[in-house]
N, C-alpha and C. Protein backbone atom coordinates (compact mmCIF):
# COMPACT_ATOMS: atom_id res chain seq x y z
N MET A 1 149.37 0.52 -71.05
CA MET A 1 148.67 0.85 -70.78
C MET A 1 149.11 2.28 -69.56
N LEU A 2 148.10 3.07 -69.28
CA LEU A 2 148.68 4.27 -68.66
C LEU A 2 148.80 3.49 -66.86
N LYS A 3 149.59 4.36 -66.19
CA LYS A 3 149.58 3.84 -64.63
C LYS A 3 148.69 4.67 -64.13
N ARG A 4 148.25 4.42 -62.89
CA ARG A 4 147.40 4.82 -62.00
C ARG A 4 147.64 6.45 -61.65
N GLU A 5 148.64 7.11 -61.57
CA GLU A 5 149.02 7.90 -61.24
C GLU A 5 148.84 9.06 -62.62
N GLU A 6 148.87 8.56 -63.73
CA GLU A 6 148.76 8.94 -64.72
C GLU A 6 147.40 9.40 -64.99
N MET A 7 146.44 8.97 -64.64
CA MET A 7 144.97 8.90 -64.77
C MET A 7 144.51 10.28 -64.57
N PRO A 8 143.24 10.80 -64.92
CA PRO A 8 142.53 11.63 -64.12
C PRO A 8 142.07 11.22 -62.64
N VAL A 9 141.56 12.22 -61.78
CA VAL A 9 141.46 12.03 -60.35
C VAL A 9 139.87 11.51 -60.33
N CYS A 10 139.24 12.24 -61.30
CA CYS A 10 137.51 11.84 -61.51
C CYS A 10 137.49 10.73 -62.23
N ASP A 11 136.76 9.69 -61.61
CA ASP A 11 136.83 8.21 -62.25
C ASP A 11 135.76 8.61 -63.67
N VAL A 12 134.89 9.23 -63.72
CA VAL A 12 134.32 9.55 -65.06
C VAL A 12 135.12 10.07 -66.09
N ALA A 13 135.56 11.03 -65.72
CA ALA A 13 137.00 11.69 -66.82
C ALA A 13 138.13 10.27 -67.46
N THR A 14 138.18 9.68 -66.28
CA THR A 14 138.95 8.54 -66.73
C THR A 14 138.78 7.78 -67.83
N THR A 15 137.26 7.48 -67.94
CA THR A 15 136.17 6.50 -68.94
C THR A 15 136.16 7.52 -69.92
N VAL A 16 135.93 8.44 -69.74
CA VAL A 16 135.93 9.47 -71.18
C VAL A 16 137.34 9.58 -71.76
N GLN A 17 138.16 9.69 -71.16
CA GLN A 17 139.72 9.29 -71.55
C GLN A 17 140.01 8.42 -72.40
N ILE A 18 139.50 7.17 -71.76
CA ILE A 18 140.11 5.89 -72.59
C ILE A 18 139.08 5.56 -73.75
N LEU A 19 137.86 6.12 -73.55
CA LEU A 19 136.80 5.69 -74.36
C LEU A 19 136.30 7.37 -75.39
N ASP A 20 137.42 8.07 -75.69
CA ASP A 20 137.40 8.95 -76.20
C ASP A 20 136.95 9.97 -77.61
N SER A 21 136.41 8.53 -78.50
CA SER A 21 135.84 8.98 -79.48
C SER A 21 134.78 8.30 -79.55
N LYS A 22 133.45 8.44 -80.80
CA LYS A 22 132.54 7.69 -80.89
C LYS A 22 132.80 6.44 -81.46
N TRP A 23 133.73 6.23 -82.50
CA TRP A 23 134.32 5.00 -83.14
C TRP A 23 134.69 4.10 -82.16
N LYS A 24 135.52 4.62 -80.87
CA LYS A 24 136.04 3.53 -80.22
C LYS A 24 134.88 2.85 -79.57
N LEU A 25 133.69 3.74 -79.13
CA LEU A 25 132.78 3.31 -78.48
C LEU A 25 131.74 2.30 -79.45
N LEU A 26 131.46 2.63 -80.59
CA LEU A 26 131.35 1.79 -81.68
C LEU A 26 132.22 0.61 -82.20
N ILE A 27 133.32 0.46 -82.10
CA ILE A 27 134.24 -0.48 -82.41
C ILE A 27 133.84 -1.45 -81.24
N ILE A 28 133.75 -1.35 -79.91
CA ILE A 28 133.32 -1.82 -79.02
C ILE A 28 132.38 -2.75 -79.03
N ARG A 29 131.00 -1.71 -79.28
CA ARG A 29 130.06 -2.19 -79.44
C ARG A 29 129.78 -3.51 -80.90
N ASP A 30 130.50 -3.54 -81.66
CA ASP A 30 130.50 -4.18 -82.82
C ASP A 30 131.11 -5.48 -82.18
N LEU A 31 132.34 -5.16 -81.28
CA LEU A 31 133.43 -6.72 -80.92
C LEU A 31 132.45 -7.16 -79.82
N MET A 32 131.66 -6.55 -79.40
CA MET A 32 130.66 -7.22 -78.24
C MET A 32 129.96 -8.53 -78.79
N THR A 33 129.98 -8.73 -80.38
CA THR A 33 129.21 -9.81 -80.67
C THR A 33 130.00 -10.96 -80.94
N GLY A 34 131.61 -10.47 -81.05
CA GLY A 34 132.68 -11.60 -81.11
C GLY A 34 133.72 -11.04 -81.97
N PRO A 35 134.73 -11.74 -82.30
CA PRO A 35 136.04 -11.27 -82.95
C PRO A 35 135.49 -10.88 -84.46
N LYS A 36 136.29 -9.61 -84.83
CA LYS A 36 136.10 -9.08 -86.23
C LYS A 36 137.38 -9.17 -86.78
N ARG A 37 137.38 -8.73 -88.16
CA ARG A 37 138.82 -8.53 -89.01
C ARG A 37 138.38 -7.34 -89.22
N PRO A 38 139.72 -6.34 -89.48
CA PRO A 38 139.81 -5.27 -89.72
C PRO A 38 138.54 -4.81 -90.68
N ALA A 39 138.45 -5.44 -92.24
CA ALA A 39 137.54 -5.17 -93.03
C ALA A 39 135.94 -5.41 -92.53
N GLN A 40 135.84 -6.37 -91.64
CA GLN A 40 134.53 -6.40 -91.19
C GLN A 40 133.75 -5.06 -90.20
N LEU A 41 134.84 -4.55 -89.50
CA LEU A 41 134.86 -3.26 -88.76
C LEU A 41 134.69 -2.12 -89.61
N LEU A 42 135.11 -1.82 -90.87
CA LEU A 42 135.15 -1.12 -91.74
C LEU A 42 133.84 -0.82 -92.49
N LYS A 43 133.24 -2.17 -92.25
CA LYS A 43 131.66 -2.23 -93.51
C LYS A 43 131.11 -1.73 -92.46
N SER A 44 131.01 -2.23 -90.75
CA SER A 44 130.08 -2.23 -90.45
C SER A 44 129.74 -0.57 -89.86
N LEU A 45 130.40 0.07 -89.96
CA LEU A 45 130.71 1.36 -89.48
C LEU A 45 131.01 2.62 -90.59
N PRO A 46 130.15 2.78 -91.26
CA PRO A 46 130.11 3.55 -92.43
C PRO A 46 130.65 4.99 -92.22
N GLY A 47 131.80 5.47 -93.23
CA GLY A 47 132.84 6.74 -92.47
C GLY A 47 133.64 7.00 -91.77
N LEU A 48 133.82 5.47 -90.82
CA LEU A 48 135.02 5.24 -90.49
C LEU A 48 136.33 4.95 -91.53
N SER A 49 137.28 5.89 -91.37
CA SER A 49 138.57 5.41 -92.52
C SER A 49 139.43 4.59 -91.68
N GLN A 50 140.05 3.98 -92.85
CA GLN A 50 141.22 2.77 -92.38
C GLN A 50 142.20 3.44 -91.26
N LYS A 51 142.65 4.59 -91.89
CA LYS A 51 143.51 5.32 -90.73
C LYS A 51 143.08 5.14 -89.06
N VAL A 52 141.57 5.70 -88.99
CA VAL A 52 141.06 6.07 -87.75
C VAL A 52 141.16 4.74 -87.15
N LEU A 53 140.47 3.80 -87.60
CA LEU A 53 140.46 2.40 -87.27
C LEU A 53 141.85 1.72 -86.98
N THR A 54 142.64 1.58 -87.70
CA THR A 54 144.03 1.17 -87.36
C THR A 54 144.27 2.12 -85.57
N ALA A 55 144.36 3.66 -85.50
CA ALA A 55 144.80 4.16 -84.36
C ALA A 55 143.91 3.66 -83.35
N SER A 56 142.49 3.67 -83.57
CA SER A 56 141.66 3.43 -82.23
C SER A 56 142.02 2.13 -81.86
N LEU A 57 142.15 0.97 -82.82
CA LEU A 57 142.15 -0.33 -82.39
C LEU A 57 143.58 -0.73 -81.69
N LYS A 58 144.79 0.13 -82.03
CA LYS A 58 145.95 0.47 -81.58
C LYS A 58 146.24 0.73 -79.85
N SER A 59 145.08 2.16 -80.01
CA SER A 59 144.85 2.55 -78.52
C SER A 59 144.15 1.83 -77.65
N MET A 60 143.19 1.05 -78.32
CA MET A 60 142.40 0.27 -77.25
C MET A 60 143.15 -0.95 -76.58
N ILE A 61 144.13 -1.43 -77.93
CA ILE A 61 145.16 -2.55 -77.01
C ILE A 61 146.08 -2.19 -76.26
N SER A 62 146.90 -0.96 -76.44
CA SER A 62 147.43 -0.09 -75.25
C SER A 62 146.64 -0.04 -74.14
N ASP A 63 145.50 0.39 -74.03
CA ASP A 63 144.78 0.67 -72.81
C ASP A 63 144.29 -0.65 -72.37
N GLY A 64 144.40 -2.00 -73.19
CA GLY A 64 144.06 -3.28 -72.62
C GLY A 64 142.62 -3.69 -72.63
N ILE A 65 141.77 -2.89 -73.46
CA ILE A 65 140.47 -3.20 -73.86
C ILE A 65 140.33 -3.95 -75.07
N VAL A 66 141.32 -4.28 -75.93
CA VAL A 66 140.92 -4.74 -77.25
C VAL A 66 142.43 -5.77 -77.45
N GLU A 67 142.11 -6.74 -77.49
CA GLU A 67 143.02 -8.20 -77.72
C GLU A 67 142.99 -8.41 -79.31
N LYS A 68 144.50 -8.44 -79.98
CA LYS A 68 145.05 -8.50 -81.73
C LYS A 68 145.04 -9.86 -81.62
N ILE A 69 144.33 -10.50 -82.45
CA ILE A 69 144.75 -12.54 -82.75
C ILE A 69 145.14 -12.48 -83.98
N ASP A 70 146.47 -12.83 -83.69
CA ASP A 70 147.10 -12.83 -85.39
C ASP A 70 147.69 -14.21 -85.58
N TYR A 71 146.57 -14.94 -86.86
CA TYR A 71 147.05 -16.29 -87.30
C TYR A 71 147.81 -16.90 -87.76
N ASN A 72 149.02 -15.69 -87.99
CA ASN A 72 150.24 -15.58 -88.66
C ASN A 72 150.23 -16.52 -89.98
N THR A 73 149.29 -16.08 -90.77
CA THR A 73 149.46 -16.83 -92.18
C THR A 73 149.66 -16.05 -93.21
N MET A 74 149.63 -16.96 -94.54
CA MET A 74 149.94 -16.07 -95.62
C MET A 74 148.70 -16.03 -96.58
N PRO A 75 148.13 -15.01 -97.15
CA PRO A 75 148.31 -13.55 -96.58
C PRO A 75 147.86 -13.52 -94.95
N PRO A 76 148.31 -12.29 -94.88
CA PRO A 76 147.74 -12.15 -92.97
C PRO A 76 146.25 -11.97 -92.81
N HIS A 77 146.00 -12.87 -91.95
CA HIS A 77 144.83 -12.89 -91.22
C HIS A 77 145.05 -12.24 -89.55
N VAL A 78 144.63 -11.29 -89.36
CA VAL A 78 144.18 -10.78 -87.68
C VAL A 78 142.98 -10.54 -87.70
N GLU A 79 142.33 -10.81 -86.37
CA GLU A 79 140.90 -10.56 -85.93
C GLU A 79 141.47 -9.89 -84.61
N TYR A 80 140.26 -8.89 -84.17
CA TYR A 80 140.24 -8.30 -82.97
C TYR A 80 139.04 -8.46 -82.14
N ARG A 81 139.03 -8.65 -80.59
CA ARG A 81 138.29 -9.04 -79.77
C ARG A 81 138.51 -8.46 -78.58
N LEU A 82 137.31 -8.27 -77.93
CA LEU A 82 137.47 -7.61 -76.41
C LEU A 82 138.00 -8.32 -75.57
N SER A 83 139.17 -7.82 -74.90
CA SER A 83 139.81 -8.49 -73.45
C SER A 83 138.83 -8.69 -72.67
N PRO A 84 139.39 -9.71 -71.28
CA PRO A 84 138.03 -9.64 -70.15
C PRO A 84 137.98 -8.14 -69.39
N LEU A 85 139.16 -7.15 -69.73
CA LEU A 85 138.54 -5.89 -69.36
C LEU A 85 137.97 -5.02 -70.31
N GLY A 86 137.99 -5.34 -71.51
CA GLY A 86 136.93 -4.78 -72.21
C GLY A 86 135.55 -5.54 -72.35
N GLU A 87 135.10 -6.69 -72.02
CA GLU A 87 134.26 -7.43 -71.45
C GLU A 87 133.37 -6.42 -70.37
N SER A 88 134.08 -6.01 -69.71
CA SER A 88 133.52 -5.19 -68.44
C SER A 88 132.93 -3.78 -68.79
N LEU A 89 133.06 -3.30 -70.04
CA LEU A 89 132.61 -2.24 -70.66
C LEU A 89 131.18 -2.93 -71.27
N ARG A 90 130.66 -4.15 -71.41
CA ARG A 90 129.61 -4.44 -71.87
C ARG A 90 128.04 -3.96 -70.91
N PRO A 91 128.18 -3.71 -69.69
CA PRO A 91 126.74 -2.86 -69.42
C PRO A 91 126.97 -1.47 -69.50
N VAL A 92 128.28 -0.91 -69.64
CA VAL A 92 128.43 0.55 -70.00
C VAL A 92 127.78 1.01 -71.54
N ILE A 93 127.73 -0.16 -72.39
CA ILE A 93 127.28 0.03 -73.93
C ILE A 93 126.07 -0.06 -73.90
N GLU A 94 125.56 -1.29 -73.12
CA GLU A 94 123.88 -1.74 -72.71
C GLU A 94 123.69 -0.37 -72.06
N ALA A 95 124.22 0.52 -71.04
CA ALA A 95 123.04 1.08 -70.86
C ALA A 95 122.75 2.54 -71.75
N MET A 96 124.11 2.98 -72.46
CA MET A 96 124.26 4.06 -73.60
C MET A 96 122.88 3.35 -74.51
N ARG A 97 123.01 2.19 -74.88
CA ARG A 97 121.70 1.67 -75.57
C ARG A 97 120.50 2.09 -75.34
N ARG A 98 120.24 1.72 -74.09
CA ARG A 98 118.88 1.52 -73.50
C ARG A 98 118.69 3.16 -73.31
N TRP A 99 119.70 4.17 -72.95
CA TRP A 99 119.09 5.82 -73.05
C TRP A 99 118.86 6.42 -74.25
N GLY A 100 119.75 5.89 -75.00
CA GLY A 100 119.75 5.98 -76.89
C GLY A 100 117.87 5.43 -77.19
N GLU A 101 117.33 4.72 -76.70
CA GLU A 101 116.69 4.27 -77.06
C GLU A 101 115.28 5.04 -76.14
N TYR A 102 115.64 5.16 -75.18
CA TYR A 102 114.77 6.52 -74.10
C TYR A 102 114.62 7.74 -74.79
N TYR A 103 115.68 8.12 -74.83
CA TYR A 103 115.82 9.69 -75.61
C TYR A 103 114.94 9.78 -76.86
N LYS A 104 115.42 8.65 -77.76
CA LYS A 104 114.41 8.74 -79.02
C LYS A 104 112.87 8.51 -78.72
N SER A 105 112.31 7.88 -77.69
CA SER A 105 110.90 7.35 -77.37
C SER A 105 110.36 8.83 -76.88
N GLN A 106 111.42 9.88 -76.47
CA GLN A 106 110.65 10.93 -75.59
C GLN A 106 110.64 11.99 -76.58
N LEU A 107 111.40 11.95 -77.74
CA LEU A 107 111.44 12.98 -79.02
C LEU A 107 109.84 12.57 -79.53
N GLU A 108 109.44 11.33 -80.01
CA GLU A 108 108.05 10.74 -80.67
C GLU A 108 107.15 11.44 -79.74
N GLU A 109 106.88 11.68 -78.60
CA GLU A 109 105.49 12.14 -77.66
C GLU A 109 105.77 13.44 -78.24
């Protein structure tokens, strides 16, 4: 996790820096329904590559918004879930969903 002095002065820029790709937003959206295995995330996000998924999850773990659950089994079994800090993004994602819905309704009129 970055230190406060390493973050942009602008709070909006800070949020954009943490959520810097569409994939991170969509991964968070999917994790809002509960823990997911990597294969589940790949299946629910067409166009997302394994490489980008791995890099995004690693970055979000480093930023403290996602947690990795390792069951220490053979074959390996891991899941990812939102951390308490990640859960605090729920109203942000929900606001984005509502705005997207509103935007689409404006196009139809």
